[in-house]
Protein backbone atom coordinates (compact mmCIF):
# COMPACT_ATOMS: atom_id res chain seq x y z
CA UNK A 1 -26.26 18.30 157.60
CA UNK A 2 -24.17 15.50 156.12
CA UNK A 3 -21.58 15.81 153.38
CA UNK A 4 -23.77 13.80 151.01
CA UNK A 5 -26.67 16.21 151.58
CA UNK A 6 -24.42 19.21 150.93
CA UNK A 7 -23.12 17.57 147.76
CA UNK A 8 -26.71 16.95 146.59
CA UNK A 9 -27.66 20.54 147.35
CA UNK A 10 -24.67 21.82 145.34
CA UNK A 11 -25.48 19.48 142.44
CA UNK A 12 -29.14 20.48 142.24
CA UNK A 13 -28.23 24.15 142.72
CA UNK A 14 -25.82 23.88 139.79
CA UNK A 15 -28.55 22.30 137.68
CA UNK A 16 -30.97 25.11 138.55
CA UNK A 17 -28.52 27.94 137.85
CA UNK A 18 -27.18 26.53 134.59
CA UNK A 19 -30.65 25.65 133.27
CA UNK A 20 -31.65 29.24 133.91
CA UNK A 21 -28.58 30.51 131.98
CA UNK A 22 -28.72 28.04 129.04
CA UNK A 23 -29.82 30.68 126.53
CA UNK A 24 -26.62 32.66 127.07
CA UNK A 25 -24.14 30.01 125.94
CA UNK A 26 -23.89 26.40 124.88
CA UNK A 27 -21.36 25.99 127.69
CA UNK A 28 -24.17 26.41 130.23
CA UNK A 29 -25.88 23.42 128.59
CA UNK A 30 -22.70 21.41 129.19
CA UNK A 31 -22.57 22.66 132.78
CA UNK A 32 -26.20 21.55 133.17
CA UNK A 33 -25.20 18.07 131.95
CA UNK A 34 -22.42 17.98 134.54
CA UNK A 35 -24.90 19.08 137.22
CA UNK A 36 -27.24 16.26 136.18
CA UNK A 37 -24.39 13.76 136.39
CA UNK A 38 -23.49 15.07 139.84
CA UNK A 39 -27.14 14.74 140.90
CA UNK A 40 -27.12 11.17 139.63
CA UNK A 41 -24.06 10.47 141.77
CA UNK A 42 -25.87 12.01 144.72
CA UNK A 43 -28.81 9.69 144.05
CA UNK A 44 -26.49 6.68 144.17
CA UNK A 45 -24.82 7.90 147.37
CA UNK A 46 -28.18 8.61 149.01
CA UNK A 47 -29.60 5.24 147.95
CA UNK A 48 -32.23 6.76 145.67
CA UNK A 49 -31.55 4.69 142.57
CA UNK A 50 -34.66 5.75 140.58
CA UNK A 51 -33.53 9.37 141.01
CA UNK A 52 -30.02 8.41 139.90
CA UNK A 53 -31.34 6.72 136.75
CA UNK A 54 -33.50 9.69 135.77
CA UNK A 55 -30.68 12.16 136.37
CA UNK A 56 -28.33 10.02 134.30
CA UNK A 57 -30.83 10.15 131.44
CA UNK A 58 -31.11 13.93 131.80
CA UNK A 59 -27.33 14.21 131.69
CA UNK A 60 -27.30 12.27 128.41
CA UNK A 61 -30.03 14.45 126.92
CA UNK A 62 -28.24 17.63 127.97
CA UNK A 63 -24.92 16.39 126.58
CA UNK A 64 -26.62 15.63 123.26
CA UNK A 65 -28.16 19.13 123.25
CA UNK A 66 -24.73 20.66 123.93
CA UNK A 67 -23.12 18.76 121.07
CA UNK A 68 -25.93 19.69 118.70
CA UNK A 69 -25.65 23.38 119.64
CA UNK A 70 -21.88 23.38 119.22
CA UNK A 71 -22.15 21.79 115.79
CA UNK A 72 -24.76 24.35 114.76
CA UNK A 73 -22.57 27.23 115.94
CA UNK A 74 -19.47 26.02 114.13
CA UNK A 75 -21.42 25.42 110.91
CA UNK A 76 -22.65 29.03 110.80
CA UNK A 77 -19.33 30.80 111.41
CA UNK A 78 -18.15 32.79 108.40
CA UNK A 79 -14.71 32.11 106.97
CA UNK A 80 -12.31 35.04 107.31
CA UNK A 81 -10.37 36.02 104.25
CA UNK A 82 -6.67 36.67 104.59
């Protein structure tokens, strides 16, 4: 098994695990975006450019979802009185 194949396996495994855990924290959504970006890099290294393009788009969508969730969480936090 080549290093590129192992990298691809790790990237897709990260995507799977973090997608499964997304409901627990917005940080898992960010980790999913990183996994998508890593999968896109794998696609480039493996010569599968259509796969790389789709994974890049997924990374952008996931990053947008992370930012939206973070904004929603910070908007709801109550202000503590001194």
